[in-house]
Amino acid sequence: MRMRIWTGLVVVLALAAGIHVPALDAGSIAYWSAEDLTSGKAANLPFLTTTHAFNVVRLAASAGRPAESHEGTTDVLFVVAGGGSVTAGGEIEKVATLKDMPGEMRGPSIKGGTAYELAPGATINIPPSTPYRLQAGANGLVAMRLKINAGMHPWSIVSTQQTTLQPAGVRAQDAVPLNVTQGGVVFWSAESLHKAHATMKAAAAKGESTADPLGLAAIPATRTHAWNFLYRIMGPNGRPPGVEFHEGNTDIYFILDGTGTVMTEGTIENREPFPNRPGETRGTLITGGRGYKVKAGDVINMPPSTPHQSLPDPGGFTYLLVKVNVGMYPWSLIDK
């Protein structure tokens, strides 16, 4: 009830101020290859929905960005090419708030914090109000940046943050108060992720289970998004992993190693509901769909209510998966 009252108040204030209130928009299917992201030829960027947004951060050799902090978003950086470092935490020196952008802080540098080494595949989850600063290495840096709405401000007021407004009758994310914890900084080094892929590939070659590679990579969860690390390989008798369909979350793939095809759209064969999980259905195969050939550095945005299935090449492929809650029902129902 508290969240609905807040939502209604935001609508009233926005209308009174003459601000456009966007409708809930979960976005479309989008695929970005590592080559297009690196060259700057990637289409459909920046990419914006009511729950999250993408843009590309591109730095020349040895260049750095100002320190930044975003009250209203969790920022996720996935390194596509090049390298360098990101310092997260600490305090922004000579900090200033951007004009007409509440909660958006900038400054020339950071005092304190922790430095993390960046290389292709490295990924970092930076929660709201956490300062960070990017520094490119000798070969420059290209990273896909995912910004996940933490529910602090309407998108129309703060351009780096997404609206939390929901259509009538749709429950907001977990119906919890604003400012709920978004966890701490989580960093996946490129080395650790490539090692995790090699570990799973070796296990598959021995005929060991690769269904749930827990312990190889951190998989945190917050009320707005959850993480998973997945290794996809053909099963017994050449069967691919099953088809998935989620009404309550967007699936975002950061491809780490190996190759394969991600199928989407089309028709789900042998479709049936997933027990005790509203809006979740499964199937055995997608027919008449569209496939995206994937490899390291590629990124896919898979919106809610979209069939998707992995068809791995020999050796399989791995990816970090971000499941972004679109506020259809309590996060506890879709966090796995």
Protein backbone atom coordinates (compact mmCIF):
# COMPACT_ATOMS: atom_id res chain seq x y z
CA MET A 1 0.00 0.00 0.00
CA ARG A 2 2.83 2.40 0.86
CA MET A 3 4.38 1.92 -2.58
CA ARG A 4 1.06 2.54 -4.36
CA ILE A 5 0.52 5.76 -2.38
CA TRP A 6 4.03 6.92 -3.32
CA THR A 7 3.43 6.01 -6.95
CA GLY A 8 0.18 7.98 -7.02
CA LEU A 9 1.89 10.96 -5.42
CA VAL A 10 4.64 10.92 -8.05
CA VAL A 11 2.01 10.90 -10.80
CA VAL A 12 0.22 13.88 -9.28
CA LEU A 13 3.42 15.86 -8.79
CA ALA A 14 4.66 15.03 -12.27
CA LEU A 15 1.40 16.10 -13.91
CA ALA A 16 1.30 19.28 -11.85
CA ALA A 17 4.81 20.10 -13.01
CA GLY A 18 3.94 19.37 -16.62
CA ILE A 19 6.33 16.42 -16.72
CA HIS A 20 5.64 13.56 -19.12
CA VAL A 21 5.04 10.28 -17.26
CA PRO A 22 6.16 7.37 -19.44
CA ALA A 23 4.23 4.12 -19.53
CA LEU A 24 5.74 0.87 -18.35
CA ASP A 25 8.03 -0.30 -21.12
CA ALA A 26 10.05 -3.48 -20.79
CA GLY A 27 11.86 -2.88 -24.07
CA SER A 28 12.47 -5.24 -26.96
CA ILE A 29 14.79 -8.10 -27.83
CA ALA A 30 18.23 -6.65 -28.48
CA TYR A 31 21.54 -8.28 -29.46
CA TRP A 32 24.87 -6.46 -29.53
CA SER A 33 28.00 -8.18 -30.85
CA ALA A 34 31.37 -7.49 -29.28
CA GLU A 35 32.64 -6.19 -32.64
CA ASP A 36 29.83 -3.65 -33.01
CA LEU A 37 30.20 -2.48 -29.42
CA THR A 38 33.95 -2.04 -29.88
CA SER A 39 33.71 -0.25 -33.24
CA GLY A 40 30.91 2.06 -32.18
CA LYS A 41 28.57 0.67 -34.85
CA ALA A 42 26.16 -0.97 -32.39
CA ALA A 43 22.56 -0.07 -33.24
CA ASN A 44 19.78 0.72 -30.79
CA LEU A 45 22.04 2.41 -28.22
CA PRO A 46 21.46 4.04 -25.85
CA PHE A 47 18.70 1.57 -24.98
CA LEU A 48 16.04 2.59 -22.45
CA THR A 49 13.21 0.84 -20.60
CA THR A 50 11.35 1.69 -17.41
CA THR A 51 13.48 -0.75 -15.40
CA HIS A 52 16.92 -0.49 -16.97
CA ALA A 53 19.06 1.15 -19.63
CA PHE A 54 22.21 0.37 -21.63
CA ASN A 55 24.93 2.56 -23.04
CA VAL A 56 28.54 2.03 -24.08
CA VAL A 57 31.47 3.53 -22.20
CA ARG A 58 34.42 4.00 -24.52
CA LEU A 59 37.77 5.44 -23.38
CA ALA A 60 40.91 6.11 -25.41
CA ALA A 61 44.28 4.75 -24.32
CA SER A 62 45.18 5.88 -20.78
CA ALA A 63 42.15 8.18 -20.59
CA GLY A 64 39.99 8.46 -17.48
CA ARG A 65 36.49 9.59 -16.63
CA PRO A 66 35.43 11.90 -13.80
CA ALA A 67 34.34 10.20 -10.60
CA GLU A 68 30.60 9.60 -10.52
CA SER A 69 27.84 8.45 -8.18
CA HIS A 70 24.19 7.70 -9.00
CA GLU A 71 21.62 7.71 -6.22
CA GLY A 72 18.92 6.16 -8.37
CA THR A 73 20.65 3.32 -10.22
CA THR A 74 22.82 0.30 -9.74
CA ASP A 75 25.50 0.51 -12.44
CA VAL A 76 26.86 -2.69 -13.98
CA LEU A 77 29.96 -2.59 -16.18
CA PHE A 78 30.80 -5.49 -18.51
CA VAL A 79 34.18 -5.14 -20.21
CA VAL A 80 34.01 -5.91 -23.93
CA ALA A 81 37.51 -4.91 -25.07
CA GLY A 82 40.69 -3.31 -23.80
CA GLY A 83 41.34 -2.94 -20.11
CA GLY A 84 42.19 -0.63 -17.27
CA SER A 85 40.77 -0.26 -13.79
CA VAL A 86 37.73 0.92 -11.87
CA THR A 87 37.97 2.38 -8.39
CA ALA A 88 34.75 1.95 -6.41
CA GLY A 89 33.86 3.24 -2.97
CA GLY A 90 35.57 5.97 -1.00
CA GLU A 91 34.61 9.62 -1.43
CA ILE A 92 34.41 11.88 -4.46
CA GLU A 93 36.77 14.83 -4.11
CA LYS A 94 35.39 18.29 -4.90
CA VAL A 95 32.00 16.67 -5.34
CA ALA A 96 29.16 18.56 -7.04
CA THR A 97 25.56 17.68 -7.94
CA LEU A 98 24.70 17.94 -11.63
CA LYS A 99 22.23 20.70 -12.44
CA ASP A 100 18.58 19.57 -12.42
CA MET A 101 19.67 15.99 -11.78
CA PRO A 102 19.13 15.14 -8.10
CA GLY A 103 21.27 12.32 -6.81
CA GLU A 104 23.80 12.63 -9.67
CA MET A 105 27.22 13.46 -8.23
CA ARG A 106 30.49 14.17 -10.05
CA GLY A 107 34.05 15.14 -9.20
CA PRO A 108 37.58 14.92 -10.61
CA SER A 109 38.81 12.04 -8.45
CA ILE A 110 38.12 9.60 -5.63
CA LYS A 111 39.74 9.49 -2.21
CA GLY A 112 39.98 5.94 -0.90
CA GLY A 113 37.96 3.16 -2.46
CA THR A 114 39.12 -0.15 -3.94
CA ALA A 115 40.73 -0.55 -7.35
CA TYR A 116 39.67 -3.47 -9.55
CA GLU A 117 41.58 -4.62 -12.63
CA LEU A 118 39.55 -4.67 -15.84
CA ALA A 119 40.05 -7.02 -18.79
CA PRO A 120 37.62 -8.46 -21.36
CA GLY A 121 34.89 -10.33 -19.50
CA ALA A 122 35.41 -8.59 -16.16
CA THR A 123 32.13 -7.41 -14.65
CA ILE A 124 31.31 -5.20 -11.68
CA ASN A 125 28.02 -4.45 -9.90
CA ILE A 126 28.11 -0.99 -8.29
CA PRO A 127 25.11 -0.20 -6.04
CA PRO A 128 23.43 3.22 -5.80
CA SER A 129 25.26 6.11 -4.13
CA THR A 130 28.62 4.33 -4.52
CA PRO A 131 31.33 6.51 -6.10
CA TYR A 132 33.35 5.02 -8.92
CA ARG A 133 35.89 6.16 -11.48
CA LEU A 134 37.05 4.44 -14.67
CA GLN A 135 40.61 4.54 -15.99
CA ALA A 136 41.58 3.00 -19.33
CA GLY A 137 44.79 1.07 -19.89
CA ALA A 138 47.26 1.31 -22.76
CA ASN A 139 44.80 -0.29 -25.21
CA GLY A 140 41.80 1.79 -24.24
CA LEU A 141 38.60 0.48 -22.73
CA VAL A 142 35.18 -0.49 -24.08
CA ALA A 143 32.46 -1.55 -21.65
CA MET A 144 28.73 -2.07 -21.87
CA ARG A 145 27.07 -0.22 -19.00
CA LEU A 146 23.77 -1.51 -17.65
CA LYS A 147 21.88 0.91 -15.38
CA ILE A 148 19.20 -0.72 -13.21
CA ASN A 149 16.49 1.46 -11.70
CA ALA A 150 16.61 1.44 -7.91
CA GLY A 151 13.29 3.29 -7.57
CA MET A 152 14.52 6.65 -6.35
CA HIS A 153 13.30 9.15 -8.96
CA PRO A 154 11.01 9.28 -12.02
CA TRP A 155 12.92 8.86 -15.26
CA SER A 156 11.49 12.11 -16.60
CA ILE A 157 13.20 14.03 -13.79
CA VAL A 158 16.57 12.26 -13.75
CA SER A 159 17.76 11.11 -17.15
CA THR A 160 20.12 8.41 -15.85
CA GLN A 161 17.41 6.75 -13.80
CA GLN A 162 14.22 4.92 -14.71
CA THR A 163 10.66 5.51 -13.57
CA THR A 164 9.11 3.19 -11.02
CA LEU A 165 5.57 4.07 -12.08
CA GLN A 166 3.38 1.03 -12.62
CA PRO A 167 0.05 0.67 -14.44
CA ALA A 168 -3.04 0.29 -12.25
CA GLY A 169 -3.35 -3.13 -10.64
CA VAL A 170 0.30 -4.09 -11.04
CA ARG A 171 2.19 -4.59 -7.82
CA ALA A 172 5.42 -2.63 -7.50
CA GLN A 173 8.72 -4.37 -6.85
CA ASP A 174 8.23 -6.34 -3.64
CA ALA A 175 6.11 -3.51 -2.15
CA VAL A 176 9.07 -2.46 -0.01
CA PRO A 177 10.04 1.06 1.05
CA LEU A 178 12.44 3.07 -1.07
CA ASN A 179 16.10 3.15 -0.09
CA VAL A 180 16.04 -0.59 0.58
CA THR A 181 19.53 -2.06 0.50
CA GLN A 182 20.98 -2.82 -2.92
CA GLY A 183 23.89 -4.78 -1.56
CA GLY A 184 27.56 -3.91 -1.90
CA VAL A 185 30.06 -3.78 -4.73
CA VAL A 186 30.46 -7.19 -6.40
CA PHE A 187 33.34 -7.80 -8.80
CA TRP A 188 33.91 -10.73 -11.12
CA SER A 189 37.46 -10.68 -12.49
CA ALA A 190 38.04 -11.79 -16.07
CA GLU A 191 40.51 -14.39 -14.83
CA SER A 192 38.03 -15.95 -12.39
CA LEU A 193 35.25 -16.14 -14.99
CA HIS A 194 37.46 -17.69 -17.67
CA LYS A 195 38.68 -20.20 -15.06
CA ALA A 196 35.07 -21.02 -14.15
CA HIS A 197 34.33 -21.74 -17.83
CA ALA A 198 37.36 -24.02 -18.09
CA THR A 199 36.29 -25.84 -14.92
CA MET A 200 32.80 -26.48 -16.27
CA LYS A 201 34.11 -27.54 -19.67
CA ALA A 202 36.44 -30.05 -18.02
CA ALA A 203 33.60 -31.39 -15.88
CA ALA A 204 31.42 -31.85 -18.97
CA ALA A 205 34.20 -33.74 -20.73
CA LYS A 206 34.26 -36.18 -17.80
CA GLY A 207 30.52 -36.66 -17.93
CA GLU A 208 30.01 -34.83 -14.63
CA SER A 209 26.99 -32.63 -13.93
CA THR A 210 27.15 -29.01 -15.10
CA ALA A 211 23.58 -28.13 -14.20
CA ASP A 212 24.29 -25.85 -11.25
CA PRO A 213 27.82 -24.43 -11.09
CA LEU A 214 27.48 -22.91 -7.62
CA GLY A 215 30.65 -21.71 -5.95
CA LEU A 216 32.40 -20.75 -9.18
CA ALA A 217 31.05 -17.19 -9.31
CA ALA A 218 29.15 -14.88 -7.00
CA ILE A 219 25.38 -14.82 -7.63
CA PRO A 220 23.94 -12.05 -5.43
CA ALA A 221 20.35 -10.85 -5.46
CA THR A 222 18.58 -7.59 -4.54
CA ARG A 223 14.96 -6.50 -4.84
CA THR A 224 15.62 -5.08 -8.32
CA HIS A 225 17.86 -7.70 -9.89
CA ALA A 226 19.57 -11.03 -9.37
CA TRP A 227 22.62 -12.67 -10.87
CA ASN A 228 23.46 -16.15 -12.08
CA PHE A 229 26.44 -17.83 -13.71
CA LEU A 230 25.48 -20.44 -16.28
CA TYR A 231 27.30 -22.99 -18.41
CA ARG A 232 25.25 -24.27 -21.34
CA ILE A 233 26.06 -27.55 -23.06
CA MET A 234 24.05 -30.15 -24.97
CA GLY A 235 22.56 -32.82 -22.74
CA PRO A 236 22.25 -36.57 -23.20
CA ASN A 237 21.37 -37.70 -26.71
CA GLY A 238 22.15 -34.22 -28.01
CA ARG A 239 19.21 -32.54 -26.29
CA PRO A 240 19.61 -28.78 -25.79
CA PRO A 241 18.74 -27.02 -22.52
CA GLY A 242 14.99 -26.42 -22.27
CA VAL A 243 13.03 -23.35 -23.33
CA GLU A 244 12.34 -20.69 -20.69
CA PHE A 245 9.62 -18.01 -20.49
CA HIS A 246 9.42 -15.41 -17.70
CA GLU A 247 6.63 -12.87 -17.28
CA GLY A 248 8.24 -11.15 -14.31
CA ASN A 249 11.80 -10.37 -15.37
CA THR A 250 14.07 -9.31 -18.20
CA ASP A 251 17.03 -11.65 -18.78
CA ILE A 252 20.32 -10.01 -19.73
CA TYR A 253 23.20 -12.14 -21.04
CA PHE A 254 26.86 -11.14 -20.78
CA ILE A 255 28.59 -13.83 -22.87
CA LEU A 256 31.93 -14.86 -21.37
CA ASP A 257 33.39 -17.89 -23.18
CA GLY A 258 32.61 -20.46 -25.84
CA THR A 259 30.07 -20.20 -28.64
CA GLY A 260 26.49 -21.17 -29.36
CA THR A 261 23.14 -19.83 -30.49
CA VAL A 262 20.47 -18.17 -28.38
CA MET A 263 17.04 -18.81 -29.86
CA THR A 264 14.03 -16.60 -29.23
CA GLU A 265 10.51 -15.84 -30.43
CA GLY A 266 8.75 -18.67 -32.31
CA THR A 267 6.63 -21.39 -30.74
CA ILE A 268 7.40 -23.36 -27.59
CA GLU A 269 7.01 -27.10 -28.09
CA ASN A 270 5.63 -29.18 -25.19
CA ARG A 271 4.89 -26.03 -23.24
CA GLU A 272 3.80 -26.35 -19.60
CA PRO A 273 3.73 -24.11 -16.50
CA PHE A 274 6.61 -24.26 -14.05
CA PRO A 275 5.23 -25.52 -10.69
CA ASN A 276 4.58 -22.84 -8.04
CA ARG A 277 6.09 -20.07 -10.15
CA PRO A 278 3.41 -17.73 -11.59
CA GLY A 279 4.22 -16.51 -15.08
CA GLU A 280 6.96 -19.11 -15.55
CA THR A 281 6.61 -21.73 -18.28
CA ARG A 282 8.99 -24.25 -19.81
CA GLY A 283 9.25 -26.31 -22.99
CA THR A 284 11.56 -28.54 -24.99
CA LEU A 285 12.27 -26.62 -28.18
CA ILE A 286 11.62 -23.33 -30.00
CA THR A 287 10.35 -23.76 -33.55
CA GLY A 288 10.03 -21.00 -36.12
CA GLY A 289 12.12 -18.66 -34.00
CA ARG A 290 15.12 -16.42 -34.53
CA GLY A 291 18.68 -17.26 -33.50
CA TYR A 292 21.63 -15.11 -32.41
CA LYS A 293 25.10 -16.60 -32.75
CA VAL A 294 26.96 -15.68 -29.56
CA LYS A 295 30.56 -15.53 -28.40
CA ALA A 296 32.65 -13.74 -25.76
CA GLY A 297 31.82 -10.05 -25.40
CA ASP A 298 28.32 -10.23 -26.86
CA VAL A 299 25.31 -8.89 -24.93
CA ILE A 300 21.62 -9.81 -25.22
CA ASN A 301 18.54 -8.14 -23.71
CA MET A 302 15.65 -10.62 -23.47
CA PRO A 303 12.44 -8.88 -22.31
CA PRO A 304 9.66 -10.51 -20.28
CA SER A 305 7.24 -12.96 -21.89
CA THR A 306 9.76 -13.88 -24.59
CA PRO A 307 10.67 -17.55 -25.22
CA HIS A 308 14.40 -18.20 -25.15
CA GLN A 309 16.63 -21.24 -25.42
CA SER A 310 20.37 -21.94 -25.58
CA LEU A 311 21.76 -24.15 -28.36
CA PRO A 312 25.42 -24.63 -27.40
CA ASP A 313 28.18 -25.51 -29.84
CA PRO A 314 30.54 -28.37 -28.87
CA GLY A 315 32.33 -27.31 -25.70
CA GLY A 316 29.41 -25.16 -24.61
CA PHE A 317 29.31 -21.50 -23.63
CA THR A 318 29.11 -19.55 -20.38
CA TYR A 319 27.54 -16.25 -19.43
CA LEU A 320 26.69 -14.05 -16.51
CA LEU A 321 22.93 -13.61 -16.36
CA VAL A 322 21.21 -10.57 -14.85
CA LYS A 323 17.52 -11.02 -14.09
CA VAL A 324 15.91 -7.57 -13.80
CA ASN A 325 12.63 -7.52 -11.88
CA VAL A 326 9.92 -5.71 -13.84
CA GLY A 327 7.58 -5.41 -10.83
CA MET A 328 4.86 -7.84 -11.87
CA TYR A 329 4.79 -9.69 -8.55
CA PRO A 330 7.01 -10.17 -5.47
CA TRP A 331 10.65 -10.74 -6.30
CA SER A 332 10.68 -13.82 -4.08
CA LEU A 333 8.76 -15.65 -6.81
CA ILE A 334 11.30 -15.01 -9.56
CA ASP A 335 14.68 -14.78 -7.83
CA LYS A 336 15.95 -18.19 -8.94
